[in-house]
Amino acid sequence: MPLLWTILVTGPPTSGKSRLSRRLLAAIKDSVRINPDELRLMYFDDPAPVHDEELIYHTLSTLRKFALDHRHSVIIDSTAPRHTTRNFFLDDGGRSRHLVVVMDVDRKILDKRAKAAGKTSPLEAFDAVWQEPLQSLPVFKFRNDDEEQFETSFYLLMEYINHEYAEHSSILRSILRLRRRDDGPVRPDSKEKAPTART
């Protein structure tokens, strides 16, 4: 029986989340993609989270459950800057393997993209609430400064997804947590716990 995944693609505006999510949708057999901004647009003709967010989150949860019930992997394309939002997206009772993909773009390049797309304010709002993923989650830092980096990161990501590694965390440490030289070492923080309420 094929392995089911719930993959959360997260990161700042203009970092390439939707592009990567669509590539994953094409590459992962029997997968589906859900995006809260597109749901807001469908419901309210407005992508901004200023209407009935409870309806949006309830719909996302229902869609994810329905997809997993029908043996589809789920790709969630969302900024999801807070721990609580990520926990909500990944809460499926252990029915799928989880992976958080964090888009990683050099800050100068990201600022330039945001300015060109007219998304400087959304980027500033994202920065104000961003929380680094908990060390308890498997995380892939997806480098996307340019086309070459995108393709290299995508290749490595698919190498992991397409293989069932016995030592999940060690594989992530060795090849998947692609960190910039100034990021510092990866250290688990045993004191940090996920909040229980969604924001």
N, C-alpha and C. Protein backbone atom coordinates (compact mmCIF):
# COMPACT_ATOMS: atom_id res chain seq x y z
N MET A 1 0.84 -1.19 0.00
CA MET A 1 0.00 0.00 0.00
C MET A 1 0.88 1.25 0.00
N PRO A 2 0.63 2.20 -0.90
CA PRO A 2 1.48 3.40 -0.98
C PRO A 2 1.48 4.20 0.32
N LEU A 3 2.62 4.78 0.63
CA LEU A 3 2.75 5.62 1.82
C LEU A 3 2.04 6.94 1.60
N LEU A 4 1.23 7.33 2.59
CA LEU A 4 0.54 8.62 2.52
C LEU A 4 1.36 9.70 3.20
N TRP A 5 1.35 10.89 2.61
CA TRP A 5 2.06 12.03 3.16
C TRP A 5 1.12 13.18 3.44
N THR A 6 1.44 13.94 4.48
CA THR A 6 0.90 15.29 4.63
C THR A 6 2.11 16.21 4.62
N ILE A 7 2.24 16.99 3.57
CA ILE A 7 3.39 17.87 3.38
C ILE A 7 2.92 19.32 3.47
N LEU A 8 3.46 20.04 4.44
CA LEU A 8 3.14 21.45 4.61
C LEU A 8 4.25 22.28 4.00
N VAL A 9 3.94 23.03 2.95
CA VAL A 9 4.91 23.92 2.32
C VAL A 9 4.66 25.32 2.86
N THR A 10 5.61 25.82 3.64
CA THR A 10 5.42 27.09 4.33
C THR A 10 6.58 28.04 4.06
N GLY A 11 6.37 29.30 4.41
CA GLY A 11 7.41 30.30 4.21
C GLY A 11 6.81 31.63 3.82
N PRO A 12 7.65 32.63 3.62
CA PRO A 12 7.17 33.99 3.38
C PRO A 12 6.55 34.18 2.01
N PRO A 13 5.78 35.26 1.83
CA PRO A 13 5.25 35.59 0.51
C PRO A 13 6.37 35.74 -0.51
N THR A 14 6.12 35.32 -1.72
CA THR A 14 7.02 35.37 -2.89
C THR A 14 8.23 34.44 -2.77
N SER A 15 8.20 33.49 -1.83
CA SER A 15 9.33 32.58 -1.68
C SER A 15 9.24 31.36 -2.59
N GLY A 16 8.09 31.15 -3.25
CA GLY A 16 7.95 30.04 -4.18
C GLY A 16 7.11 28.88 -3.68
N LYS A 17 6.29 29.11 -2.65
CA LYS A 17 5.48 28.03 -2.08
C LYS A 17 4.54 27.39 -3.10
N SER A 18 3.79 28.22 -3.80
CA SER A 18 2.79 27.68 -4.73
C SER A 18 3.46 26.95 -5.90
N ARG A 19 4.56 27.49 -6.38
CA ARG A 19 5.28 26.81 -7.46
C ARG A 19 5.73 25.43 -7.02
N LEU A 20 6.33 25.35 -5.83
CA LEU A 20 6.79 24.06 -5.33
C LEU A 20 5.62 23.12 -5.09
N SER A 21 4.54 23.63 -4.52
CA SER A 21 3.38 22.78 -4.24
C SER A 21 2.81 22.17 -5.50
N ARG A 22 2.77 22.96 -6.57
CA ARG A 22 2.26 22.42 -7.84
C ARG A 22 3.21 21.40 -8.44
N ARG A 23 4.50 21.60 -8.26
CA ARG A 23 5.48 20.60 -8.72
C ARG A 23 5.31 19.29 -7.94
N LEU A 24 5.11 19.42 -6.63
CA LEU A 24 4.89 18.22 -5.81
C LEU A 24 3.61 17.52 -6.21
N LEU A 25 2.58 18.29 -6.51
CA LEU A 25 1.30 17.71 -6.93
C LEU A 25 1.48 16.85 -8.18
N ALA A 26 2.32 17.33 -9.10
CA ALA A 26 2.57 16.58 -10.32
C ALA A 26 3.47 15.38 -10.09
N ALA A 27 4.34 15.45 -9.08
CA ALA A 27 5.35 14.42 -8.86
C ALA A 27 4.90 13.30 -7.92
N ILE A 28 4.00 13.60 -6.99
CA ILE A 28 3.57 12.61 -6.00
C ILE A 28 2.26 11.99 -6.46
N LYS A 29 2.28 10.72 -6.72
CA LYS A 29 1.11 10.03 -7.24
C LYS A 29 -0.07 10.13 -6.27
N ASP A 30 -1.24 10.37 -6.82
CA ASP A 30 -2.49 10.42 -6.06
C ASP A 30 -2.45 11.46 -4.94
N SER A 31 -1.81 12.58 -5.19
CA SER A 31 -1.77 13.64 -4.18
C SER A 31 -2.78 14.73 -4.54
N VAL A 32 -3.15 15.53 -3.53
CA VAL A 32 -4.02 16.68 -3.74
C VAL A 32 -3.37 17.88 -3.07
N ARG A 33 -3.69 19.08 -3.56
CA ARG A 33 -3.15 20.32 -3.01
C ARG A 33 -4.30 21.16 -2.46
N ILE A 34 -4.13 21.69 -1.24
CA ILE A 34 -5.11 22.61 -0.69
C ILE A 34 -4.40 23.88 -0.24
N ASN A 35 -5.08 25.02 -0.42
CA ASN A 35 -4.49 26.32 -0.17
C ASN A 35 -5.53 27.22 0.48
N PRO A 36 -5.28 27.72 1.70
CA PRO A 36 -6.29 28.54 2.39
C PRO A 36 -6.60 29.84 1.67
N ASP A 37 -5.63 30.45 1.00
CA ASP A 37 -5.90 31.70 0.27
C ASP A 37 -6.89 31.46 -0.86
N GLU A 38 -6.76 30.32 -1.54
CA GLU A 38 -7.67 30.02 -2.64
C GLU A 38 -9.07 29.71 -2.13
N LEU A 39 -9.15 29.09 -0.93
CA LEU A 39 -10.46 28.87 -0.32
C LEU A 39 -11.12 30.20 0.04
N ARG A 40 -10.33 31.13 0.61
CA ARG A 40 -10.88 32.45 0.94
C ARG A 40 -11.39 33.16 -0.32
N LEU A 41 -10.63 33.04 -1.38
CA LEU A 41 -11.03 33.67 -2.63
C LEU A 41 -12.32 33.04 -3.17
N MET A 42 -12.42 31.72 -3.05
CA MET A 42 -13.61 31.02 -3.54
C MET A 42 -14.83 31.39 -2.70
N TYR A 43 -14.67 31.45 -1.38
CA TYR A 43 -15.79 31.73 -0.49
C TYR A 43 -16.18 33.21 -0.50
N PHE A 44 -15.18 34.09 -0.39
CA PHE A 44 -15.45 35.51 -0.12
C PHE A 44 -14.96 36.46 -1.21
N ASP A 45 -14.38 35.91 -2.30
CA ASP A 45 -13.77 36.73 -3.34
C ASP A 45 -12.74 37.69 -2.75
N ASP A 46 -12.00 37.20 -1.76
CA ASP A 46 -11.01 38.01 -1.05
C ASP A 46 -10.00 37.07 -0.41
N PRO A 47 -8.71 37.13 -0.80
CA PRO A 47 -7.71 36.22 -0.23
C PRO A 47 -7.25 36.61 1.18
N ALA A 48 -7.63 37.80 1.64
CA ALA A 48 -7.19 38.27 2.97
C ALA A 48 -7.98 37.57 4.07
N PRO A 49 -7.31 37.22 5.18
CA PRO A 49 -7.99 36.53 6.30
C PRO A 49 -8.78 37.50 7.18
N VAL A 50 -9.81 38.11 6.61
CA VAL A 50 -10.59 39.11 7.35
C VAL A 50 -12.07 38.73 7.47
N HIS A 51 -12.41 37.51 7.02
CA HIS A 51 -13.81 37.10 7.05
C HIS A 51 -13.99 35.99 8.09
N ASP A 52 -14.60 34.89 7.71
CA ASP A 52 -14.88 33.79 8.63
C ASP A 52 -13.75 32.76 8.57
N GLU A 53 -12.69 32.97 9.38
CA GLU A 53 -11.55 32.06 9.36
C GLU A 53 -11.91 30.68 9.90
N GLU A 54 -12.91 30.62 10.79
CA GLU A 54 -13.34 29.32 11.31
C GLU A 54 -13.87 28.44 10.19
N LEU A 55 -14.59 29.05 9.26
CA LEU A 55 -15.09 28.31 8.10
C LEU A 55 -13.95 27.81 7.24
N ILE A 56 -12.94 28.65 7.04
CA ILE A 56 -11.78 28.27 6.22
C ILE A 56 -11.07 27.07 6.85
N TYR A 57 -10.78 27.15 8.14
CA TYR A 57 -10.04 26.08 8.80
C TYR A 57 -10.87 24.80 8.89
N HIS A 58 -12.15 24.93 9.11
CA HIS A 58 -13.01 23.75 9.15
C HIS A 58 -13.02 23.06 7.77
N THR A 59 -13.09 23.86 6.71
CA THR A 59 -13.07 23.30 5.37
C THR A 59 -11.74 22.59 5.08
N LEU A 60 -10.63 23.23 5.46
CA LEU A 60 -9.31 22.62 5.26
C LEU A 60 -9.21 21.27 5.98
N SER A 61 -9.68 21.22 7.21
CA SER A 61 -9.64 19.98 7.99
C SER A 61 -10.49 18.90 7.34
N THR A 62 -11.66 19.29 6.86
CA THR A 62 -12.56 18.32 6.22
C THR A 62 -11.97 17.82 4.91
N LEU A 63 -11.39 18.72 4.13
CA LEU A 63 -10.77 18.31 2.87
C LEU A 63 -9.60 17.36 3.10
N ARG A 64 -8.77 17.68 4.10
CA ARG A 64 -7.63 16.82 4.40
C ARG A 64 -8.10 15.43 4.82
N LYS A 65 -9.08 15.35 5.70
CA LYS A 65 -9.60 14.06 6.18
C LYS A 65 -10.19 13.27 5.01
N PHE A 66 -10.98 13.93 4.18
CA PHE A 66 -11.60 13.25 3.05
C PHE A 66 -10.54 12.71 2.09
N ALA A 67 -9.50 13.51 1.84
CA ALA A 67 -8.43 13.08 0.94
C ALA A 67 -7.71 11.85 1.50
N LEU A 68 -7.35 11.89 2.79
CA LEU A 68 -6.66 10.75 3.40
C LEU A 68 -7.56 9.52 3.42
N ASP A 69 -8.86 9.71 3.68
CA ASP A 69 -9.81 8.58 3.65
C ASP A 69 -9.79 7.88 2.30
N HIS A 70 -9.55 8.66 1.26
CA HIS A 70 -9.57 8.11 -0.09
C HIS A 70 -8.16 7.85 -0.63
N ARG A 71 -7.21 7.72 0.30
CA ARG A 71 -5.83 7.33 -0.01
C ARG A 71 -5.12 8.33 -0.91
N HIS A 72 -5.32 9.61 -0.62
CA HIS A 72 -4.58 10.66 -1.32
C HIS A 72 -3.62 11.33 -0.34
N SER A 73 -2.36 11.51 -0.74
CA SER A 73 -1.47 12.36 0.03
C SER A 73 -1.92 13.81 -0.09
N VAL A 74 -1.60 14.61 0.94
CA VAL A 74 -2.09 15.98 0.99
C VAL A 74 -0.91 16.96 1.01
N ILE A 75 -0.93 17.92 0.11
CA ILE A 75 0.06 18.99 0.06
C ILE A 75 -0.64 20.28 0.46
N ILE A 76 -0.22 20.88 1.57
CA ILE A 76 -0.84 22.10 2.06
C ILE A 76 0.09 23.26 1.76
N ASP A 77 -0.41 24.23 1.03
CA ASP A 77 0.37 25.38 0.56
C ASP A 77 -0.08 26.61 1.35
N SER A 78 0.73 27.00 2.35
CA SER A 78 0.29 28.09 3.23
C SER A 78 1.49 28.75 3.90
N THR A 79 1.39 30.05 4.20
CA THR A 79 2.47 30.71 4.93
C THR A 79 2.65 30.09 6.31
N ALA A 80 1.56 29.74 6.99
CA ALA A 80 1.59 29.03 8.28
C ALA A 80 2.76 29.46 9.15
N PRO A 81 2.82 30.72 9.59
CA PRO A 81 4.00 31.19 10.31
C PRO A 81 4.09 30.75 11.77
N ARG A 82 2.98 30.31 12.35
CA ARG A 82 2.96 29.99 13.79
C ARG A 82 2.92 28.48 14.03
N HIS A 83 3.44 28.08 15.20
CA HIS A 83 3.40 26.67 15.59
C HIS A 83 1.97 26.15 15.59
N THR A 84 1.05 26.92 16.14
CA THR A 84 -0.32 26.45 16.30
C THR A 84 -0.98 26.16 14.95
N THR A 85 -0.70 27.00 13.97
CA THR A 85 -1.28 26.77 12.64
C THR A 85 -0.71 25.50 12.02
N ARG A 86 0.59 25.31 12.15
CA ARG A 86 1.21 24.10 11.59
C ARG A 86 0.68 22.85 12.28
N ASN A 87 0.54 22.92 13.60
CA ASN A 87 0.01 21.77 14.33
C ASN A 87 -1.39 21.41 13.85
N PHE A 88 -2.21 22.43 13.59
CA PHE A 88 -3.56 22.19 13.08
C PHE A 88 -3.51 21.51 11.72
N PHE A 89 -2.65 22.02 10.84
CA PHE A 89 -2.55 21.44 9.50
C PHE A 89 -2.05 20.00 9.51
N LEU A 90 -1.21 19.66 10.47
CA LEU A 90 -0.60 18.33 10.50
C LEU A 90 -1.33 17.33 11.39
N ASP A 91 -2.36 17.77 12.07
CA ASP A 91 -3.08 16.90 13.00
C ASP A 91 -4.03 15.97 12.24
N ASP A 92 -3.58 14.74 12.01
CA ASP A 92 -4.44 13.79 11.30
C ASP A 92 -4.50 12.44 12.02
N GLY A 93 -4.14 12.44 13.30
CA GLY A 93 -4.21 11.19 14.07
C GLY A 93 -3.20 10.16 13.64
N GLY A 94 -2.09 10.58 13.07
CA GLY A 94 -1.04 9.64 12.68
C GLY A 94 -1.36 8.83 11.45
N ARG A 95 -2.24 9.34 10.59
CA ARG A 95 -2.65 8.58 9.41
C ARG A 95 -1.71 8.77 8.22
N SER A 96 -0.78 9.72 8.32
CA SER A 96 0.15 9.96 7.22
C SER A 96 1.50 10.36 7.79
N ARG A 97 2.52 10.27 6.96
CA ARG A 97 3.84 10.75 7.35
C ARG A 97 3.91 12.25 7.12
N HIS A 98 4.49 12.97 8.05
CA HIS A 98 4.50 14.43 7.99
C HIS A 98 5.86 14.97 7.55
N LEU A 99 5.82 16.10 6.83
CA LEU A 99 7.02 16.82 6.47
C LEU A 99 6.68 18.30 6.34
N VAL A 100 7.50 19.15 6.97
CA VAL A 100 7.35 20.59 6.83
C VAL A 100 8.46 21.07 5.89
N VAL A 101 8.07 21.69 4.79
CA VAL A 101 9.03 22.24 3.83
C VAL A 101 9.02 23.75 4.00
N VAL A 102 10.15 24.30 4.45
CA VAL A 102 10.27 25.74 4.68
C VAL A 102 11.04 26.36 3.52
N MET A 103 10.40 27.27 2.81
CA MET A 103 11.07 27.95 1.71
C MET A 103 12.15 28.88 2.26
N ASP A 104 13.37 28.76 1.71
CA ASP A 104 14.52 29.49 2.23
C ASP A 104 15.13 30.32 1.09
N VAL A 105 14.90 31.64 1.16
CA VAL A 105 15.39 32.55 0.12
C VAL A 105 16.26 33.61 0.78
N ASP A 106 17.40 33.90 0.16
CA ASP A 106 18.27 34.97 0.65
C ASP A 106 17.45 36.24 0.85
N ARG A 107 17.69 36.94 1.97
CA ARG A 107 16.84 38.06 2.34
C ARG A 107 16.81 39.17 1.28
N LYS A 108 17.94 39.50 0.72
CA LYS A 108 17.97 40.56 -0.30
C LYS A 108 17.15 40.17 -1.52
N ILE A 109 17.25 38.90 -1.91
CA ILE A 109 16.49 38.41 -3.06
C ILE A 109 15.00 38.40 -2.73
N LEU A 110 14.66 37.97 -1.51
CA LEU A 110 13.26 37.93 -1.09
C LEU A 110 12.65 39.33 -1.08
N ASP A 111 13.39 40.29 -0.53
CA ASP A 111 12.90 41.67 -0.50
C ASP A 111 12.66 42.20 -1.91
N LYS A 112 13.56 41.88 -2.82
CA LYS A 112 13.43 42.34 -4.20
C LYS A 112 12.20 41.72 -4.86
N ARG A 113 11.97 40.43 -4.61
CA ARG A 113 10.79 39.77 -5.18
C ARG A 113 9.50 40.36 -4.61
N ALA A 114 9.49 40.58 -3.30
CA ALA A 114 8.29 41.12 -2.66
C ALA A 114 7.97 42.52 -3.19
N LYS A 115 8.99 43.33 -3.37
CA LYS A 115 8.79 44.68 -3.89
C LYS A 115 8.23 44.63 -5.31
N ALA A 116 8.79 43.75 -6.14
CA ALA A 116 8.33 43.63 -7.52
C ALA A 116 6.89 43.14 -7.60
N ALA A 117 6.49 42.30 -6.64
CA ALA A 117 5.14 41.74 -6.64
C ALA A 117 4.14 42.59 -5.85
N GLY A 118 4.61 43.70 -5.27
CA GLY A 118 3.73 44.53 -4.46
C GLY A 118 3.32 43.86 -3.16
N LYS A 119 4.21 43.04 -2.60
CA LYS A 119 3.88 42.30 -1.38
C LYS A 119 4.83 42.62 -0.24
N THR A 120 5.30 43.84 -0.20
CA THR A 120 6.19 44.24 0.89
C THR A 120 5.46 44.21 2.24
N SER A 121 4.23 44.71 2.27
CA SER A 121 3.47 44.72 3.53
C SER A 121 3.16 43.31 4.03
N PRO A 122 2.68 42.38 3.17
CA PRO A 122 2.48 41.01 3.62
C PRO A 122 3.76 40.35 4.13
N LEU A 123 4.90 40.67 3.50
CA LEU A 123 6.17 40.11 3.96
C LEU A 123 6.52 40.64 5.36
N GLU A 124 6.30 41.92 5.59
CA GLU A 124 6.56 42.50 6.91
C GLU A 124 5.63 41.88 7.96
N ALA A 125 4.37 41.65 7.60
CA ALA A 125 3.42 41.03 8.52
C ALA A 125 3.85 39.59 8.85
N PHE A 126 4.34 38.88 7.84
CA PHE A 126 4.84 37.52 8.04
C PHE A 126 6.02 37.52 9.01
N ASP A 127 6.97 38.42 8.77
CA ASP A 127 8.17 38.50 9.62
C ASP A 127 7.80 38.74 11.09
N ALA A 128 6.74 39.50 11.31
CA ALA A 128 6.37 39.87 12.68
C ALA A 128 5.85 38.68 13.49
N VAL A 129 5.36 37.65 12.83
CA VAL A 129 4.75 36.52 13.56
C VAL A 129 5.46 35.19 13.32
N TRP A 130 6.48 35.16 12.46
CA TRP A 130 7.13 33.90 12.12
C TRP A 130 7.78 33.25 13.34
N GLN A 131 7.58 31.93 13.47
CA GLN A 131 8.23 31.12 14.49
C GLN A 131 8.93 29.95 13.80
N GLU A 132 10.20 29.75 14.13
CA GLU A 132 10.93 28.63 13.54
C GLU A 132 10.24 27.31 13.91
N PRO A 133 10.16 26.35 12.98
CA PRO A 133 9.51 25.07 13.29
C PRO A 133 10.16 24.38 14.48
N LEU A 134 9.34 23.70 15.26
CA LEU A 134 9.83 22.93 16.39
C LEU A 134 10.76 21.83 15.92
N GLN A 135 11.77 21.53 16.73
CA GLN A 135 12.73 20.49 16.37
C GLN A 135 12.10 19.10 16.36
N SER A 136 10.91 18.96 16.92
CA SER A 136 10.23 17.66 16.91
C SER A 136 9.66 17.34 15.53
N LEU A 137 9.57 18.34 14.65
CA LEU A 137 9.03 18.13 13.31
C LEU A 137 10.15 17.87 12.30
N PRO A 138 9.92 16.97 11.35
CA PRO A 138 10.89 16.81 10.26
C PRO A 138 10.79 18.01 9.33
N VAL A 139 11.90 18.70 9.09
CA VAL A 139 11.89 19.94 8.33
C VAL A 139 12.90 19.87 7.18
N PHE A 140 12.44 20.29 6.02
CA PHE A 140 13.31 20.42 4.85
C PHE A 140 13.41 21.90 4.52
N LYS A 141 14.62 22.45 4.55
CA LYS A 141 14.82 23.84 4.16
C LYS A 141 15.05 23.88 2.64
N PHE A 142 14.09 24.42 1.92
CA PHE A 142 14.11 24.38 0.47
C PHE A 142 14.72 25.68 -0.07
N ARG A 143 15.97 25.60 -0.50
CA ARG A 143 16.68 26.78 -1.01
C ARG A 143 16.10 27.19 -2.36
N ASN A 144 15.81 28.48 -2.51
CA ASN A 144 15.19 28.94 -3.74
C ASN A 144 15.62 30.36 -4.09
N ASP A 145 16.94 30.57 -4.16
CA ASP A 145 17.45 31.88 -4.59
C ASP A 145 17.35 32.06 -6.10
N ASP A 146 17.43 30.93 -6.83
CA ASP A 146 17.39 31.00 -8.28
C ASP A 146 16.93 29.66 -8.83
N GLU A 147 16.84 29.55 -10.14
CA GLU A 147 16.32 28.35 -10.78
C GLU A 147 17.18 27.12 -10.48
N GLU A 148 18.49 27.28 -10.48
CA GLU A 148 19.38 26.15 -10.20
C GLU A 148 19.17 25.61 -8.79
N GLN A 149 19.08 26.53 -7.82
CA GLN A 149 18.84 26.09 -6.45
C GLN A 149 17.49 25.40 -6.32
N PHE A 150 16.46 25.93 -6.98
CA PHE A 150 15.15 25.31 -6.93
C PHE A 150 15.21 23.86 -7.40
N GLU A 151 15.84 23.64 -8.54
CA GLU A 151 15.89 22.29 -9.10
C GLU A 151 16.72 21.35 -8.24
N THR A 152 17.82 21.83 -7.67
CA THR A 152 18.63 20.99 -6.78
C THR A 152 17.84 20.63 -5.53
N SER A 153 17.19 21.60 -4.93
CA SER A 153 16.39 21.34 -3.73
C SER A 153 15.24 20.39 -4.03
N PHE A 154 14.62 20.56 -5.20
CA PHE A 154 13.50 19.69 -5.56
C PHE A 154 13.97 18.25 -5.74
N TYR A 155 15.12 18.08 -6.35
CA TYR A 155 15.68 16.74 -6.52
C TYR A 155 15.91 16.06 -5.17
N LEU A 156 16.52 16.78 -4.23
CA LEU A 156 16.79 16.21 -2.91
C LEU A 156 15.49 15.91 -2.16
N LEU A 157 14.54 16.81 -2.27
CA LEU A 157 13.25 16.59 -1.61
C LEU A 157 12.57 15.33 -2.13
N MET A 158 12.55 15.14 -3.44
CA MET A 158 11.92 13.96 -4.01
C MET A 158 12.70 12.69 -3.69
N GLU A 159 14.02 12.79 -3.56
CA GLU A 159 14.81 11.64 -3.14
C GLU A 159 14.33 11.15 -1.77
N TYR A 160 14.07 12.08 -0.88
CA TYR A 160 13.60 11.69 0.45
C TYR A 160 12.17 11.14 0.39
N ILE A 161 11.28 11.84 -0.29
CA ILE A 161 9.88 11.42 -0.33
C ILE A 161 9.73 10.03 -0.95
N ASN A 162 10.55 9.73 -1.94
CA ASN A 162 10.41 8.46 -2.67
C ASN A 162 11.09 7.28 -2.01
N HIS A 163 11.72 7.50 -0.84
CA HIS A 163 12.38 6.41 -0.14
C HIS A 163 11.90 6.36 1.30
N GLU A 164 11.72 5.17 1.81
CA GLU A 164 11.30 4.99 3.19
C GLU A 164 12.55 4.76 4.05
N TYR A 165 13.13 5.84 4.53
CA TYR A 165 14.33 5.72 5.36
C TYR A 165 13.96 5.29 6.77
N ALA A 166 14.73 4.35 7.32
CA ALA A 166 14.46 3.86 8.66
C ALA A 166 14.73 4.94 9.71
N GLU A 167 15.83 5.68 9.54
CA GLU A 167 16.19 6.72 10.50
C GLU A 167 15.80 8.09 9.94
N HIS A 168 14.55 8.44 10.14
CA HIS A 168 13.99 9.66 9.58
C HIS A 168 14.83 10.89 9.96
N SER A 169 15.08 11.06 11.26
CA SER A 169 15.75 12.28 11.72
C SER A 169 17.20 12.36 11.25
N SER A 170 17.91 11.23 11.21
CA SER A 170 19.31 11.29 10.80
C SER A 170 19.45 11.62 9.32
N ILE A 171 18.54 11.12 8.51
CA ILE A 171 18.56 11.44 7.09
C ILE A 171 18.30 12.93 6.89
N LEU A 172 17.35 13.46 7.63
CA LEU A 172 17.06 14.89 7.50
C LEU A 172 18.26 15.72 7.90
N ARG A 173 18.94 15.32 8.98
CA ARG A 173 20.11 16.08 9.42
C ARG A 173 21.22 16.03 8.38
N SER A 174 21.38 14.88 7.73
CA SER A 174 22.53 14.70 6.85
C SER A 174 22.34 15.31 5.46
N ILE A 175 21.11 15.23 4.90
CA ILE A 175 20.98 15.73 3.53
C ILE A 175 19.85 16.73 3.31
N LEU A 176 18.87 16.79 4.21
CA LEU A 176 17.69 17.58 3.90
C LEU A 176 17.64 18.95 4.56
N ARG A 177 18.24 19.09 5.73
CA ARG A 177 18.15 20.39 6.40
C ARG A 177 19.24 21.29 5.81
N LEU A 178 18.95 21.84 4.63
CA LEU A 178 19.93 22.63 3.88
C LEU A 178 20.00 24.02 4.49
N ARG A 179 21.02 24.27 5.29
CA ARG A 179 21.10 25.53 6.02
C ARG A 179 22.18 26.43 5.44
N ARG A 180 21.93 27.73 5.51
CA ARG A 180 22.94 28.68 5.07
C ARG A 180 24.08 28.71 6.09
N ARG A 181 25.24 29.13 5.64
CA ARG A 181 26.42 29.10 6.51
C ARG A 181 26.25 29.92 7.78
N ASP A 182 25.44 30.96 7.72
CA ASP A 182 25.27 31.81 8.90
C ASP A 182 24.07 31.42 9.75
N ASP A 183 23.43 30.29 9.44
CA ASP A 183 22.27 29.86 10.23
C ASP A 183 22.68 29.32 11.59
N GLY A 184 23.92 28.84 11.71
CA GLY A 184 24.34 28.22 12.97
C GLY A 184 23.94 26.76 13.00
N PRO A 185 24.38 26.05 14.03
CA PRO A 185 24.08 24.62 14.11
C PRO A 185 22.62 24.34 14.42
N VAL A 186 22.17 23.15 14.07
CA VAL A 186 20.82 22.71 14.40
C VAL A 186 20.87 22.07 15.78
N ARG A 187 20.16 22.65 16.72
CA ARG A 187 20.13 22.10 18.08
C ARG A 187 18.69 21.88 18.52
N PRO A 188 18.36 20.71 19.05
CA PRO A 188 17.01 20.50 19.56
C PRO A 188 16.79 21.35 20.80
N ASP A 189 15.58 21.85 20.93
CA ASP A 189 15.20 22.63 22.10
C ASP A 189 14.13 21.86 22.86
N SER A 190 14.54 21.10 23.86
CA SER A 190 13.62 20.23 24.56
C SER A 190 12.59 20.99 25.37
N LYS A 191 12.85 22.28 25.65
CA LYS A 191 11.92 23.05 26.46
C LYS A 191 10.77 23.62 25.65
N GLU A 192 10.92 23.68 24.33
CA GLU A 192 9.89 24.28 23.51
C GLU A 192 8.80 23.27 23.21
N LYS A 193 7.57 23.62 23.50
CA LYS A 193 6.44 22.74 23.26
C LYS A 193 5.43 23.45 22.38
N ALA A 194 4.69 22.64 21.62
CA ALA A 194 3.70 23.23 20.73
C ALA A 194 2.50 23.71 21.52
N PRO A 195 1.99 24.92 21.22
CA PRO A 195 0.77 25.39 21.87
C PRO A 195 -0.42 24.53 21.47
N THR A 196 -1.47 24.57 22.25
CA THR A 196 -2.65 23.75 21.97
C THR A 196 -3.74 24.52 21.25
N ALA A 197 -3.70 25.84 21.30
CA ALA A 197 -4.76 26.63 20.65
C ALA A 197 -4.26 27.17 19.34
N ARG A 198 -5.17 27.28 18.33
CA ARG A 198 -4.79 27.80 17.04
C ARG A 198 -4.95 29.32 17.03
N THR A 199 -3.99 30.03 16.35
CA THR A 199 -4.12 31.47 16.15
C THR A 199 -4.06 31.79 14.69
